[in-house]
Protein backbone atom coordinates (compact mmCIF):
# COMPACT_ATOMS: atom_id res chain seq x y z
CA UNK A 1 19.07 -10.54 11.56
CA UNK A 2 16.04 -10.40 9.33
CA UNK A 3 12.60 -9.21 10.45
CA UNK A 4 9.50 -8.78 8.47
CA UNK A 5 8.11 -5.70 8.46
CA UNK A 6 4.97 -3.79 7.05
CA UNK A 7 6.98 -0.96 4.75
CA UNK A 8 4.81 2.29 6.81
CA UNK A 9 6.81 1.62 10.05
CA UNK A 10 9.74 0.94 8.92
CA UNK A 11 9.91 4.25 6.56
CA UNK A 12 8.31 6.34 9.65
CA UNK A 13 10.87 4.62 11.97
CA UNK A 14 13.80 6.11 9.40
CA UNK A 15 11.74 9.32 8.47
CA UNK A 16 12.14 10.18 12.43
CA UNK A 17 15.53 9.37 12.37
CA UNK A 18 16.63 11.35 9.90
CA UNK A 19 15.17 14.31 11.28
CA UNK A 20 17.23 13.68 14.24
CA UNK A 21 20.26 13.65 12.33
CA UNK A 22 19.79 16.78 10.65
CA UNK A 23 18.41 18.32 14.15
CA UNK A 24 21.85 17.66 15.48
CA UNK A 25 23.75 18.72 12.15
CA UNK A 26 21.95 21.73 12.50
CA UNK A 27 22.67 22.20 16.13
CA UNK A 28 26.51 21.47 15.56
CA UNK A 29 26.55 24.15 12.95
CA UNK A 30 28.73 27.22 14.40
CA UNK A 31 28.33 30.87 12.98
CA UNK A 32 25.43 32.88 11.38
CA UNK A 33 26.14 33.42 7.96
CA UNK A 34 28.76 33.16 5.25
CA UNK A 35 29.86 36.35 6.08
CA UNK A 36 30.75 35.97 9.77
CA UNK A 37 32.39 32.52 8.90
CA UNK A 38 34.12 34.76 6.34
CA UNK A 39 35.11 37.02 8.77
CA UNK A 40 36.60 34.61 11.24
CA UNK A 41 38.40 32.89 9.16
CA UNK A 42 39.87 35.70 6.94
CA UNK A 43 41.71 36.26 10.14
CA UNK A 44 43.78 33.26 10.07
CA UNK A 45 45.08 32.93 7.33
CA UNK A 46 47.26 29.45 5.84
CA UNK A 47 46.81 25.95 6.98
CA UNK A 48 45.21 26.63 10.87
CA UNK A 49 42.21 28.11 8.80
CA UNK A 50 42.19 25.45 6.40
CA UNK A 51 42.08 22.63 8.69
CA UNK A 52 39.80 24.66 11.04
CA UNK A 53 37.29 24.87 7.91
CA UNK A 54 37.72 21.28 6.89
CA UNK A 55 36.62 20.31 10.57
CA UNK A 56 33.70 22.17 10.30
CA UNK A 57 32.46 20.78 7.17
CA UNK A 58 33.18 17.23 8.26
CA UNK A 59 31.27 17.43 11.60
CA UNK A 60 27.79 18.47 9.66
CA UNK A 61 28.77 16.57 6.41
CA UNK A 62 28.62 12.61 8.33
CA UNK A 63 24.74 13.74 9.31
CA UNK A 64 23.48 14.92 6.59
CA UNK A 65 25.39 11.70 4.32
CA UNK A 66 23.96 9.43 6.41
CA UNK A 67 20.60 11.04 5.84
CA UNK A 68 20.56 11.64 2.61
CA UNK A 69 21.38 7.76 1.88
CA UNK A 70 18.77 6.62 4.31
CA UNK A 71 15.90 8.87 2.87
CA UNK A 72 16.91 7.03 -0.88
CA UNK A 73 16.68 3.91 0.44
CA UNK A 74 12.51 4.66 1.60
CA UNK A 75 12.17 4.85 -1.87
CA UNK A 76 13.65 0.95 -2.62
CA UNK A 77 11.48 -0.11 0.63
CA UNK A 78 8.48 0.87 -1.27
CA UNK A 79 8.97 -0.66 -4.62
CA UNK A 80 10.01 -3.90 -2.70
CA UNK A 81 7.02 -3.49 -0.83
CA UNK A 82 4.82 -3.28 -3.58
CA UNK A 83 6.18 -7.25 -4.86
CA UNK A 84 5.68 -8.61 -1.75
CA UNK A 85 3.52 -6.39 1.15
CA UNK A 86 6.20 -6.98 3.48
CA UNK A 87 9.87 -5.82 3.34
CA UNK A 88 12.63 -7.63 5.03
CA UNK A 89 14.77 -5.28 7.27
CA UNK A 90 18.34 -6.86 7.42
CA UNK A 91 20.93 -6.29 9.23
CA UNK A 92 24.37 -8.14 8.71
CA UNK A 93 27.98 -8.15 7.92
CA UNK A 94 29.17 -6.63 4.70
CA UNK A 95 29.53 -8.81 2.31
CA UNK A 96 27.85 -11.18 3.67
CA UNK A 97 25.24 -13.43 1.12
CA UNK A 98 22.75 -13.27 0.25
CA UNK A 99 23.08 -9.33 0.21
CA UNK A 100 19.84 -7.31 0.78
CA UNK A 101 18.15 -5.87 -2.68
CA UNK A 102 18.91 -2.11 -1.18
CA UNK A 103 21.14 -1.13 1.54
CA UNK A 104 23.32 1.07 3.40
CA UNK A 105 26.21 0.74 5.22
CA UNK A 106 26.38 1.95 8.83
CA UNK A 107 27.94 1.83 11.44
CA UNK A 108 27.00 -0.39 14.86
CA UNK A 109 25.66 2.72 16.79
CA UNK A 110 23.79 4.44 13.98
CA UNK A 111 21.93 1.07 13.44
CA UNK A 112 20.96 0.91 17.24
CA UNK A 113 19.63 4.40 17.28
CA UNK A 114 17.52 3.65 13.73
CA UNK A 115 16.36 0.64 15.15
CA UNK A 116 15.06 2.33 18.05
CA UNK A 117 13.61 4.86 16.27
CA UNK A 118 11.71 1.97 14.06
CA UNK A 119 10.78 -0.09 16.66
CA UNK A 120 8.92 3.26 18.23
CA UNK A 121 6.96 3.63 14.61
CA UNK A 122 6.12 -0.15 14.86
CA UNK A 123 5.06 -0.31 18.35
CA UNK A 124 2.53 2.86 17.61
CA UNK A 125 1.26 1.28 14.50
CA UNK A 126 0.14 -2.18 16.32
CA UNK A 127 2.88 -4.40 15.44
CA UNK A 128 2.76 -7.64 17.19
CA UNK A 129 4.60 -8.46 19.73
CA UNK A 130 6.94 -10.89 18.57
CA UNK A 131 8.64 -8.62 16.12
CA UNK A 132 8.75 -5.97 18.35
CA UNK A 133 10.54 -8.16 20.75
CA UNK A 134 12.96 -9.55 17.32
CA UNK A 135 13.61 -5.94 16.77
CA UNK A 136 14.54 -4.96 20.56
CA UNK A 137 16.59 -8.14 20.70
CA UNK A 138 18.34 -7.36 17.53
CA UNK A 139 19.62 -3.31 18.66
CA UNK A 140 20.64 -5.26 22.04
CA UNK A 141 22.59 -7.54 20.49
CA UNK A 142 24.13 -6.05 17.68
CA UNK A 143 28.00 -6.65 18.20
CA UNK A 144 31.14 -4.96 15.86
CA UNK A 145 34.35 -3.86 16.43
CA UNK A 146 34.61 0.10 16.35
CA UNK A 147 35.24 1.17 12.82
CA UNK A 148 32.95 -1.79 11.49
CA UNK A 149 30.54 -1.25 9.15
CA UNK A 150 27.45 -3.44 8.53
CA UNK A 151 24.62 -3.57 5.69
CA UNK A 152 21.22 -2.32 7.07
CA UNK A 153 19.12 -3.24 4.34
CA UNK A 154 15.69 -4.48 2.69
CA UNK A 155 15.20 -7.43 0.61
CA UNK A 156 11.74 -8.55 -0.48
CA UNK A 157 10.08 -11.01 2.30
CA UNK A 158 10.22 -14.61 2.16
CA UNK A 159 13.32 -13.97 -0.21
């Protein structure tokens, strides 16, 4: 899928999605402070405590890592748009040629939610109906096996 978009709704859609990811990570956080967590896990010694602490970290890490990668890509969007005004939003199987200039590997459910956020921003920014329909159809048609990653990226328009 390739869709030409103005960079503004693209970046704002990513920004809104990142906010949701970080809010979800904050909601998953267990415990009030470092002292409370330490007291809780100090009572459990050995492997069970280690496993539980690793579980806590993984639950936060996935969302924070994805949010960080997406925020970094917004700088790439601005650089690309300086060359061609519009930016091609690209979603394709990883390794498929031609690769977008900048991309992040994400799983289909993440891409669907991200495309929905971009669609909302594009609609509010007054993008044309054809572009909105294309984004909506792309989100609905996104297929991959569980565990697969797709490239969610950006390229200069018309490249």
